[in-house]
Amino acid sequence: MKALNIIYTGLIGRYALTIILLLAVIPSACEATPRAERMKATWLWDTSLIVTAESRNSILQFAKEQSIDRIYLQVNPDEALDSYRSFIKEARAGGVQIHALDGAPSWVMPDNRSYIVNMVKWVKDYNLNVLEEERFSGIQADIEPYILPEWQTDQATLVKNWTEALTLFVDEVKQDATLSASTNSTALTASAALPFWLNQIAVPGDSHVRLNEKLMGLLDEVTLMSYRDQAQALADVTADDLALGDRLGKKIFVGVETNPSSEGAFISFYEEGSEVMHQQLAIIDRLLESHPSYSGIAIHDYVGWKSLKP
């Protein structure tokens, strides 16, 4: 019996040691799992800045210095196609993606949906007629209907219109997606800039669904206009959307502001300057890195960012 107890005790000890070793290994394996590299993006609203070689070089030099991976470039059909071709080719050679950008609050109205169709068509036609290295990689819609006065008087209708407008946008971007993927011609990422507070609004006719979930579900990616000049404050206001993005398997970029704001001193880094901003960006990365949906930071915008005081 004593011998059996010794054997039994020895076995328990070995099993216990094995379990301890396994528990020690599991967290390490999780930590070693590769994660998608986070990106840094910015918006470029003034398309005239890509017209000359000098201004293109200035933008791309800034992108190199600031480790920018993506630029949302507002498209203007009146600019010469060669300007887009040169800029995108040079940007992509430097490792910078260029996504087309456009939108306006009035686009949410049913009578103005043609603007969405025409914008997407222009980008897709452009991509079909240029070399692969000169193509846009995606399209971002920036509609923001809450700026309209109707938001205060008939929010439910505008929410319905917004959902329909973004549904149309995604449908137009993804039309012929199978053909696009096979020919590598016009396959595009569909994204939108959205405010962080849409979790406070219910979808009309379905009070159990929040507007952030409805819109995020339509898109490939979302860029949150989460403008705060303190990392913890930004993490707080984006927590719900990042958790939702984790659940839906979506990519989420968080946004910071560099331009003056009338909404309060806590919105923009305009007052603090670039050094403080970069300190806070590093903290944002650490605070949000546990979210699979967290894909990087978008700085609004190129002109404001470049003009920041040190």
Protein backbone atom coordinates (compact mmCIF):
# COMPACT_ATOMS: atom_id res chain seq x y z
CA MET A 1 0.00 0.00 0.00
CA LYS A 2 2.84 2.37 0.83
CA ALA A 3 4.47 1.54 -2.52
CA LEU A 4 1.20 2.20 -4.30
CA ASN A 5 0.92 5.53 -2.51
CA ILE A 6 4.43 6.43 -3.62
CA ILE A 7 3.63 5.47 -7.24
CA TYR A 8 0.31 7.35 -7.11
CA THR A 9 1.95 10.41 -5.61
CA GLY A 10 4.64 10.29 -8.27
CA LEU A 11 2.08 10.10 -11.05
CA ILE A 12 0.11 13.02 -9.59
CA GLY A 13 3.30 15.02 -9.40
CA ARG A 14 4.17 14.31 -13.01
CA TYR A 15 0.64 15.15 -14.20
CA ALA A 16 0.66 18.33 -12.19
CA LEU A 17 4.01 19.30 -13.67
CA THR A 18 2.71 18.59 -17.18
CA ILE A 19 -0.37 20.76 -16.60
CA ILE A 20 1.75 23.60 -15.22
CA LEU A 21 4.04 23.44 -18.25
CA LEU A 22 1.06 23.47 -20.63
CA LEU A 23 -0.49 26.46 -18.89
CA ALA A 24 2.81 28.27 -19.14
CA VAL A 25 3.11 27.53 -22.87
CA ILE A 26 -0.44 28.50 -23.92
CA PRO A 27 -0.17 32.25 -23.17
CA SER A 28 3.19 32.40 -24.92
CA ALA A 29 1.73 30.79 -28.02
CA CYS A 30 -1.10 33.33 -28.01
CA GLU A 31 1.32 36.20 -27.68
CA ALA A 32 3.37 34.88 -30.58
CA THR A 33 0.39 34.75 -32.94
CA PRO A 34 1.10 37.13 -35.85
CA ARG A 35 -1.20 40.18 -35.98
CA ALA A 36 -2.00 42.31 -39.03
CA GLU A 37 0.33 45.26 -39.18
CA ARG A 38 -1.41 48.44 -38.08
CA MET A 39 -1.45 51.32 -40.54
CA LYS A 40 -1.20 55.09 -40.39
CA ALA A 41 -3.48 57.00 -42.76
CA THR A 42 -4.38 60.58 -43.59
CA TRP A 43 -6.92 62.48 -45.69
CA LEU A 44 -5.98 64.75 -48.60
CA TRP A 45 -8.93 66.95 -49.57
CA ASP A 46 -7.25 69.36 -51.98
CA THR A 47 -6.76 67.37 -55.17
CA SER A 48 -4.93 70.28 -56.80
CA LEU A 49 -1.94 69.36 -54.60
CA ILE A 50 -1.17 66.35 -56.79
CA VAL A 51 -1.00 68.30 -60.06
CA THR A 52 2.67 69.29 -60.06
CA ALA A 53 5.68 67.05 -59.56
CA GLU A 54 6.93 69.38 -56.83
CA SER A 55 3.75 69.15 -54.76
CA ARG A 56 3.47 65.39 -55.28
CA ASN A 57 7.03 64.97 -54.07
CA SER A 58 6.30 67.14 -51.04
CA ILE A 59 3.30 64.98 -50.06
CA LEU A 60 5.15 61.71 -50.51
CA GLN A 61 8.23 62.96 -48.68
CA PHE A 62 5.98 63.87 -45.76
CA ALA A 63 4.37 60.43 -46.00
CA LYS A 64 7.79 58.81 -45.80
CA GLU A 65 8.86 60.93 -42.82
CA GLN A 66 5.62 60.21 -40.94
CA SER A 67 5.39 56.50 -41.89
CA ILE A 68 2.05 57.00 -43.64
CA ASP A 69 0.71 53.82 -45.25
CA ARG A 70 -2.50 55.14 -46.79
CA ILE A 71 -3.88 58.40 -48.18
CA TYR A 72 -7.59 59.05 -48.72
CA LEU A 73 -7.53 61.34 -51.74
CA GLN A 74 -10.61 63.32 -52.67
CA VAL A 75 -11.33 62.73 -56.33
CA ASN A 76 -12.08 65.57 -58.70
CA PRO A 77 -13.01 64.45 -62.23
CA ASP A 78 -11.94 67.85 -63.55
CA GLU A 79 -8.28 67.16 -62.73
CA ALA A 80 -6.19 65.59 -65.49
CA LEU A 81 -5.98 61.81 -65.28
CA ASP A 82 -2.22 61.99 -65.63
CA SER A 83 -2.05 63.72 -62.23
CA TYR A 84 -3.76 60.76 -60.58
CA ARG A 85 -1.67 58.27 -62.53
CA SER A 86 1.62 59.89 -61.56
CA PHE A 87 0.68 60.41 -57.93
CA ILE A 88 -0.68 56.90 -57.33
CA LYS A 89 2.23 55.25 -59.12
CA GLU A 90 4.77 57.21 -57.11
CA ALA A 91 2.88 56.61 -53.87
CA ARG A 92 2.56 52.88 -54.39
CA ALA A 93 6.24 52.65 -55.26
CA GLY A 94 6.87 54.12 -51.80
CA GLY A 95 4.52 51.67 -50.09
CA VAL A 96 1.56 54.07 -49.75
CA GLN A 97 -1.97 52.99 -50.71
CA ILE A 98 -4.24 55.57 -52.30
CA HIS A 99 -7.99 55.31 -51.68
CA ALA A 100 -10.46 57.55 -53.48
CA LEU A 101 -12.51 59.82 -51.23
CA ASP A 102 -15.66 61.86 -51.72
CA GLY A 103 -19.02 62.65 -50.20
CA ALA A 104 -21.32 65.36 -48.91
CA PRO A 105 -24.23 65.47 -46.42
CA SER A 106 -26.70 66.05 -49.25
CA TRP A 107 -25.76 62.72 -50.84
CA VAL A 108 -27.97 61.04 -48.28
CA MET A 109 -31.09 62.37 -50.01
CA PRO A 110 -32.77 60.02 -52.52
CA ASP A 111 -32.68 62.68 -55.24
CA ASN A 112 -28.89 62.94 -54.89
CA ARG A 113 -27.96 59.25 -55.01
CA SER A 114 -26.62 59.76 -58.53
CA TYR A 115 -23.58 61.44 -56.98
CA ILE A 116 -22.70 58.16 -55.28
CA VAL A 117 -23.18 56.15 -58.46
CA ASN A 118 -21.18 58.62 -60.56
CA MET A 119 -18.30 58.80 -58.08
CA VAL A 120 -17.91 55.05 -57.88
CA LYS A 121 -18.24 54.71 -61.65
CA TRP A 122 -15.55 57.33 -62.20
CA VAL A 123 -13.10 55.48 -59.93
CA LYS A 124 -13.84 52.09 -61.47
CA ASP A 125 -13.59 53.42 -65.02
CA TYR A 126 -10.31 55.10 -64.13
CA ASN A 127 -8.92 51.86 -62.69
CA LEU A 128 -9.91 49.94 -65.80
CA ASN A 129 -8.01 52.33 -68.06
CA VAL A 130 -4.68 52.66 -66.24
CA LEU A 131 -1.83 50.36 -65.30
CA GLU A 132 -2.14 48.21 -62.19
CA GLU A 133 0.38 50.32 -60.27
CA GLU A 134 -1.68 53.46 -61.03
CA ARG A 135 -4.97 52.21 -59.56
CA PHE A 136 -6.89 53.22 -56.47
CA SER A 137 -7.01 50.50 -53.81
CA GLY A 138 -10.38 51.47 -52.34
CA ILE A 139 -13.08 54.12 -52.00
CA GLN A 140 -14.16 55.92 -48.85
CA ALA A 141 -17.54 57.62 -48.57
CA ASP A 142 -17.79 60.61 -46.23
CA ILE A 143 -21.44 61.64 -46.15
CA GLU A 144 -22.18 62.93 -42.57
CA PRO A 145 -25.95 63.66 -42.82
CA TYR A 146 -26.13 64.74 -39.17
CA ILE A 147 -24.82 68.12 -40.33
CA LEU A 148 -28.11 68.74 -42.14
CA PRO A 149 -30.87 70.69 -40.31
CA GLU A 150 -33.25 67.76 -40.94
CA TRP A 151 -31.23 65.71 -38.44
CA GLN A 152 -32.86 67.76 -35.69
CA THR A 153 -36.39 67.55 -37.06
CA ASP A 154 -36.64 64.14 -38.77
CA GLN A 155 -33.70 62.01 -37.68
CA ALA A 156 -35.46 58.71 -38.39
CA THR A 157 -35.85 59.54 -42.08
CA LEU A 158 -32.24 60.64 -42.41
CA VAL A 159 -31.04 57.46 -40.69
CA LYS A 160 -33.08 55.41 -43.15
CA ASN A 161 -31.70 57.44 -46.05
CA TRP A 162 -28.14 57.10 -44.75
CA THR A 163 -28.47 53.33 -44.56
CA GLU A 164 -29.87 53.21 -48.09
CA ALA A 165 -27.14 55.52 -49.41
CA LEU A 166 -24.33 53.41 -47.95
CA THR A 167 -26.01 50.22 -49.15
CA LEU A 168 -26.05 51.68 -52.66
CA PHE A 169 -22.42 52.77 -52.28
CA VAL A 170 -21.26 49.28 -51.30
CA ASP A 171 -23.39 47.63 -54.01
CA GLU A 172 -21.84 49.89 -56.64
CA VAL A 173 -18.30 49.27 -55.37
CA LYS A 174 -18.80 45.50 -55.23
CA GLN A 175 -20.69 45.16 -58.51
CA ASP A 176 -18.90 42.63 -60.72
CA ALA A 177 -16.62 41.83 -57.76
CA THR A 178 -15.97 38.28 -59.02
CA LEU A 179 -14.84 39.59 -62.39
CA SER A 180 -12.80 42.31 -60.71
CA ALA A 181 -10.99 39.86 -58.47
CA SER A 182 -10.19 37.52 -61.34
CA THR A 183 -8.89 40.27 -63.60
CA ASN A 184 -7.29 42.30 -60.78
CA SER A 185 -8.80 45.35 -62.41
CA THR A 186 -11.31 47.20 -60.26
CA ALA A 187 -11.52 45.21 -57.01
CA LEU A 188 -11.87 47.90 -54.35
CA THR A 189 -12.24 48.20 -50.60
CA ALA A 190 -15.45 49.94 -49.53
CA SER A 191 -15.13 52.09 -46.42
CA ALA A 192 -16.81 55.07 -44.78
CA ALA A 193 -15.92 57.72 -42.24
CA LEU A 194 -18.42 57.46 -39.36
CA PRO A 195 -18.84 59.20 -36.01
CA PHE A 196 -18.21 57.16 -32.88
CA TRP A 197 -21.64 57.79 -31.32
CA LEU A 198 -23.87 55.81 -33.67
CA ASN A 199 -24.30 53.13 -30.97
CA GLN A 200 -26.68 55.62 -29.34
CA ILE A 201 -29.13 55.50 -32.26
CA ALA A 202 -31.55 52.68 -32.96
CA VAL A 203 -32.33 51.63 -36.52
CA PRO A 204 -35.87 52.80 -37.40
CA GLY A 205 -38.23 49.85 -37.36
CA ASP A 206 -35.77 47.64 -35.44
CA SER A 207 -34.99 49.05 -32.02
CA HIS A 208 -32.78 46.06 -31.16
CA VAL A 209 -30.20 47.03 -33.81
CA ARG A 210 -27.99 50.05 -33.29
CA LEU A 211 -26.96 52.21 -36.22
CA ASN A 212 -23.24 51.51 -35.82
CA GLU A 213 -23.90 47.78 -36.25
CA LYS A 214 -26.15 48.35 -39.26
CA LEU A 215 -23.66 50.55 -41.12
CA MET A 216 -20.55 48.66 -40.10
CA GLY A 217 -22.14 45.46 -41.34
CA LEU A 218 -22.37 46.93 -44.84
CA LEU A 219 -18.75 47.99 -45.17
CA ASP A 220 -15.32 46.38 -45.47
CA GLU A 221 -13.75 49.00 -43.20
CA VAL A 222 -14.78 51.91 -41.00
CA THR A 223 -12.79 54.99 -40.04
CA LEU A 224 -14.12 56.45 -36.80
CA MET A 225 -14.14 60.22 -36.39
CA SER A 226 -13.08 59.69 -32.79
CA TYR A 227 -11.44 63.07 -32.42
CA ARG A 228 -9.91 63.43 -28.97
CA ASP A 229 -6.51 64.81 -27.93
CA GLN A 230 -6.03 62.31 -25.08
CA ALA A 231 -5.42 58.62 -25.79
CA GLN A 232 -7.58 57.34 -22.95
CA ALA A 233 -10.48 59.55 -23.99
CA LEU A 234 -10.22 58.21 -27.54
CA ALA A 235 -10.06 54.63 -26.26
CA ASP A 236 -13.19 55.28 -24.18
CA VAL A 237 -15.29 56.65 -27.03
CA THR A 238 -14.23 53.90 -29.47
CA ALA A 239 -14.63 50.94 -27.09
CA ASP A 240 -18.10 49.95 -28.28
CA ASP A 241 -17.26 50.18 -31.98
CA LEU A 242 -14.02 48.23 -31.61
CA ALA A 243 -15.81 45.47 -29.70
CA LEU A 244 -18.44 45.42 -32.44
CA GLY A 245 -15.73 45.31 -35.10
CA ASP A 246 -14.13 42.37 -33.28
CA ARG A 247 -17.45 40.52 -33.36
CA LEU A 248 -18.24 41.33 -37.00
CA GLY A 249 -14.70 40.75 -38.27
CA LYS A 250 -14.37 44.31 -39.60
CA LYS A 251 -11.34 46.59 -39.85
CA ILE A 252 -11.58 49.75 -37.77
CA PHE A 253 -9.37 52.82 -38.02
CA VAL A 254 -9.57 55.44 -35.29
CA GLY A 255 -9.27 59.10 -36.24
CA VAL A 256 -7.53 62.09 -34.66
CA GLU A 257 -7.81 65.75 -35.61
CA THR A 258 -5.10 68.35 -36.28
CA ASN A 259 -7.21 71.29 -37.47
CA PRO A 260 -8.76 73.95 -35.22
CA SER A 261 -12.14 72.88 -33.82
CA SER A 262 -15.04 74.92 -32.50
CA GLU A 263 -16.30 71.92 -30.51
CA GLY A 264 -13.80 72.30 -27.67
CA ALA A 265 -10.09 72.25 -26.83
CA PHE A 266 -10.20 68.47 -26.21
CA ILE A 267 -10.97 67.63 -29.85
CA SER A 268 -7.81 68.49 -31.81
CA PHE A 269 -4.04 68.39 -31.44
CA TYR A 270 -3.94 71.83 -33.02
CA GLU A 271 -3.22 73.41 -29.65
CA GLU A 272 -0.75 70.78 -28.42
CA GLY A 273 1.36 70.27 -31.55
CA SER A 274 3.01 67.31 -33.26
CA GLU A 275 5.25 66.09 -30.42
CA VAL A 276 2.34 65.66 -28.03
CA MET A 277 0.25 64.09 -30.78
CA HIS A 278 2.86 61.44 -31.53
CA GLN A 279 3.18 60.64 -27.84
CA GLN A 280 -0.58 60.12 -27.65
CA LEU A 281 -0.63 58.05 -30.86
CA ALA A 282 1.83 55.62 -29.30
CA ILE A 283 -0.40 55.32 -26.22
CA ILE A 284 -3.47 54.77 -28.45
CA ASP A 285 -1.66 51.87 -30.10
CA ARG A 286 -0.96 50.27 -26.73
CA LEU A 287 -4.49 50.81 -25.45
CA LEU A 288 -6.21 49.37 -28.52
CA GLU A 289 -3.82 46.66 -29.66
CA SER A 290 -5.84 43.86 -28.01
CA HIS A 291 -8.71 44.43 -30.46
CA PRO A 292 -8.44 42.30 -33.63
CA SER A 293 -10.49 44.95 -35.44
CA TYR A 294 -8.07 47.77 -34.62
CA SER A 295 -6.26 48.49 -37.90
CA GLY A 296 -4.53 51.80 -37.28
CA ILE A 297 -4.89 55.54 -36.90
CA ALA A 298 -6.12 58.08 -39.45
CA ILE A 299 -4.90 61.65 -38.97
CA HIS A 300 -7.17 64.43 -40.25
CA ASP A 301 -5.82 65.84 -42.42
CA TYR A 302 -2.61 66.18 -44.46
CA VAL A 303 -2.67 69.99 -44.59
CA GLY A 304 -3.50 70.36 -40.91
CA TRP A 305 -0.99 67.71 -39.87
CA LYS A 306 1.82 69.26 -41.89
CA SER A 307 1.00 72.68 -40.41
CA LEU A 308 1.09 71.55 -36.77
CA LYS A 309 3.52 73.34 -34.50
CA PRO A 310 6.37 71.10 -33.19
